[in-house]
Amino acid sequence: MVILILLIPLSANAGVYKWVDANGQTHFGDRPPAKAASSEVKVHSAPASVDAGARERHQKMTEFLEQQQEERETRQAANAKAEEKAEKQAELCRKLRARLKFLASVSTFYNINDQGERIYVNEAENTRIREDFREKVRSTCGND
C-alpha cells in the first residue's frame, strides 16, 4: 500500500495527453495517440497524505522489524556461544586423547609417598588406571 502511495506522484508526472477524436469526444491518456493531434496536460496532484491508519500500520511494521532484529541477534549470540563451547570441547577431547595415547605407552604407574619415593603399582592397578582414563575420554568425548 505504501508503495502505491509512493508511485502515484510518479505516474502523475509521467505525462497526460489530451486529444479530441473524429466524433468530437475528448480523451485523456498516458500516451499520445498515433493518428490524432494531442497536447500534454499539466496535472497537479495533491501531495499524498498519510492517514492515522497508515501511520499505525507503519508503526506496527517498524515494531515487528525491530523485534525480528532482536530475535536474530539473540539467535546469533546463542549460536556463537554454542560454537565457542563446541570448540572448547573439541580442544579438551584432543588433549584427553593425546593423554590416553601417552598412557598406553607408559609401562607402569607409580604414586609418590610422603617421603617423595616412588611406589610402583601392580599390573591390575595399571590396567584399572588405563581403563578409568579410557572411560573418562569416552564419557567426555564419545566413541569416535
Protein backbone atom coordinates (compact mmCIF):
# COMPACT_ATOMS: atom_id res chain seq x y z
CA MET A 1 0.00 0.00 0.00
CA VAL A 2 2.81 2.39 0.90
CA ILE A 3 4.47 1.58 -2.43
CA LEU A 4 1.29 2.51 -4.28
CA ILE A 5 1.12 5.83 -2.46
CA LEU A 6 4.73 6.49 -3.41
CA LEU A 7 4.13 5.57 -7.07
CA ILE A 8 1.09 7.82 -7.54
CA PRO A 9 3.13 11.02 -7.83
CA LEU A 10 5.47 9.29 -10.32
CA SER A 11 2.62 8.22 -12.57
CA ALA A 12 1.06 11.66 -12.36
CA ASN A 13 4.31 13.19 -13.52
CA ALA A 14 4.72 10.67 -16.33
CA GLY A 15 2.67 12.84 -18.71
CA VAL A 16 -1.01 13.09 -19.50
CA TYR A 17 -2.16 13.74 -23.04
CA LYS A 18 -5.46 15.22 -24.25
CA TRP A 19 -6.96 14.79 -27.70
CA VAL A 20 -10.29 15.02 -29.48
CA ASP A 21 -11.34 12.14 -31.72
CA ALA A 22 -13.22 12.34 -35.05
CA ASN A 23 -16.57 12.21 -33.21
CA GLY A 24 -15.66 15.24 -31.11
CA GLN A 25 -15.14 13.31 -27.90
CA THR A 26 -12.28 14.41 -25.62
CA HIS A 27 -9.92 11.70 -24.38
CA PHE A 28 -7.08 11.62 -21.86
CA GLY A 29 -4.26 9.08 -21.74
CA ASP A 30 -0.70 8.48 -20.65
CA ARG A 31 0.47 8.06 -24.28
CA PRO A 32 -0.26 10.33 -27.20
CA PRO A 33 -2.44 8.80 -29.90
CA ALA A 34 -0.78 7.77 -33.13
CA LYS A 35 -3.37 9.28 -35.54
CA ALA A 36 -4.61 12.38 -33.75
CA ALA A 37 -3.15 15.64 -32.62
CA SER A 38 -2.70 15.81 -28.89
CA SER A 39 -1.41 18.19 -26.27
CA GLU A 40 0.30 17.44 -22.99
CA VAL A 41 -1.74 18.49 -19.98
CA LYS A 42 -0.18 19.55 -16.70
CA VAL A 43 -1.78 17.63 -13.85
CA HIS A 44 -1.30 19.00 -10.37
CA SER A 45 -1.71 16.18 -7.93
CA ALA A 46 -2.27 16.80 -4.28
CA PRO A 47 0.52 15.55 -2.04
CA ALA A 48 -0.19 12.15 -0.65
CA SER A 49 -1.42 12.41 2.88
CA VAL A 50 -0.69 9.73 5.42
CA ASP A 51 -3.75 8.92 7.44
CA ALA A 52 -3.77 7.66 11.02
CA GLY A 53 -4.32 4.07 9.87
CA ALA A 54 -1.25 4.21 7.65
CA ARG A 55 0.82 5.66 10.49
CA GLU A 56 -0.38 2.89 12.79
CA ARG A 57 0.45 0.21 10.22
CA HIS A 58 3.86 1.76 9.71
CA GLN A 59 4.46 1.81 13.48
CA LYS A 60 3.42 -1.84 13.80
CA MET A 61 5.67 -2.82 10.91
CA THR A 62 8.58 -0.94 12.47
CA GLU A 63 8.00 -2.66 15.82
CA PHE A 64 7.78 -6.04 14.09
CA LEU A 65 11.03 -5.46 12.22
CA GLU A 66 12.78 -4.34 15.41
CA GLN A 67 11.53 -7.45 17.21
CA GLN A 68 12.76 -9.65 14.34
CA GLN A 69 16.18 -7.95 14.51
CA GLU A 70 16.39 -8.53 18.29
CA GLU A 71 15.46 -12.20 17.85
CA ARG A 72 18.04 -12.58 15.07
CA GLU A 73 20.74 -11.03 17.26
CA THR A 74 19.77 -13.29 20.16
CA ARG A 75 19.99 -16.38 17.90
CA GLN A 76 23.34 -15.25 16.54
CA ALA A 77 24.69 -14.72 20.07
CA ALA A 78 23.43 -18.15 21.13
CA ASN A 79 24.98 -19.75 18.04
CA ALA A 80 28.30 -18.01 18.69
CA LYS A 81 28.25 -19.20 22.30
CA ALA A 82 27.43 -22.78 21.24
CA GLU A 83 30.19 -22.68 18.64
CA GLU A 84 32.70 -21.46 21.23
CA LYS A 85 31.60 -24.22 23.62
CA ALA A 86 31.98 -26.82 20.85
CA GLU A 87 35.48 -25.55 20.06
CA LYS A 88 36.48 -25.79 23.74
CA GLN A 89 35.03 -29.30 23.92
CA ALA A 90 36.94 -30.33 20.78
CA GLU A 91 40.20 -28.96 22.24
CA LEU A 92 39.58 -30.78 25.55
CA CYS A 93 38.95 -34.04 23.68
CA ARG A 94 42.08 -33.58 21.59
CA LYS A 95 44.12 -33.20 24.80
CA LEU A 96 42.42 -36.15 26.52
CA ARG A 97 43.03 -38.43 23.51
CA ALA A 98 46.68 -37.36 23.39
CA ARG A 99 46.98 -38.16 27.10
CA LEU A 100 45.28 -41.54 26.55
CA LYS A 101 47.76 -42.33 23.79
CA PHE A 102 50.60 -41.38 26.12
CA LEU A 103 49.20 -43.59 28.91
CA ALA A 104 49.21 -46.53 26.53
CA SER A 105 52.96 -46.07 26.03
CA VAL A 106 53.74 -46.00 29.77
CA SER A 107 54.74 -49.40 31.06
CA THR A 108 53.80 -48.88 34.71
CA PHE A 109 52.44 -46.19 37.00
CA TYR A 110 53.58 -45.11 40.43
CA ASN A 111 52.49 -42.98 43.35
CA ILE A 112 54.77 -40.78 45.42
CA ASN A 113 54.69 -41.35 49.16
CA ASP A 114 55.24 -38.80 51.95
CA GLN A 115 59.00 -39.22 51.74
CA GLY A 116 58.97 -38.43 48.00
CA GLU A 117 59.71 -42.01 46.97
CA ARG A 118 58.10 -43.72 44.02
CA ILE A 119 55.79 -46.59 44.91
CA TYR A 120 55.01 -48.59 41.76
CA VAL A 121 51.52 -50.04 41.42
CA ASN A 122 50.81 -53.63 40.41
CA GLU A 123 49.63 -54.73 36.96
CA ALA A 124 45.94 -54.88 37.99
CA GLU A 125 46.16 -51.25 39.21
CA ASN A 126 47.90 -50.24 35.93
CA THR A 127 45.03 -51.81 33.96
CA ARG A 128 42.42 -50.09 36.15
CA ILE A 129 44.09 -46.66 35.73
CA ARG A 130 44.16 -47.05 31.96
CA GLU A 131 40.57 -48.30 31.83
CA ASP A 132 39.33 -45.48 34.10
CA PHE A 133 41.00 -42.89 31.90
CA ARG A 134 39.67 -44.57 28.74
CA GLU A 135 36.15 -44.38 30.24
CA LYS A 136 36.69 -40.69 31.10
CA VAL A 137 37.60 -40.00 27.46
CA ARG A 138 34.55 -41.97 26.24
CA SER A 139 32.15 -40.17 28.57
CA THR A 140 33.60 -36.74 27.76
CA CYS A 141 34.21 -37.15 24.03
CA GLY A 142 32.14 -40.08 22.85
CA ASN A 143 33.37 -43.15 21.00
CA ASP A 144 34.77 -41.51 17.88
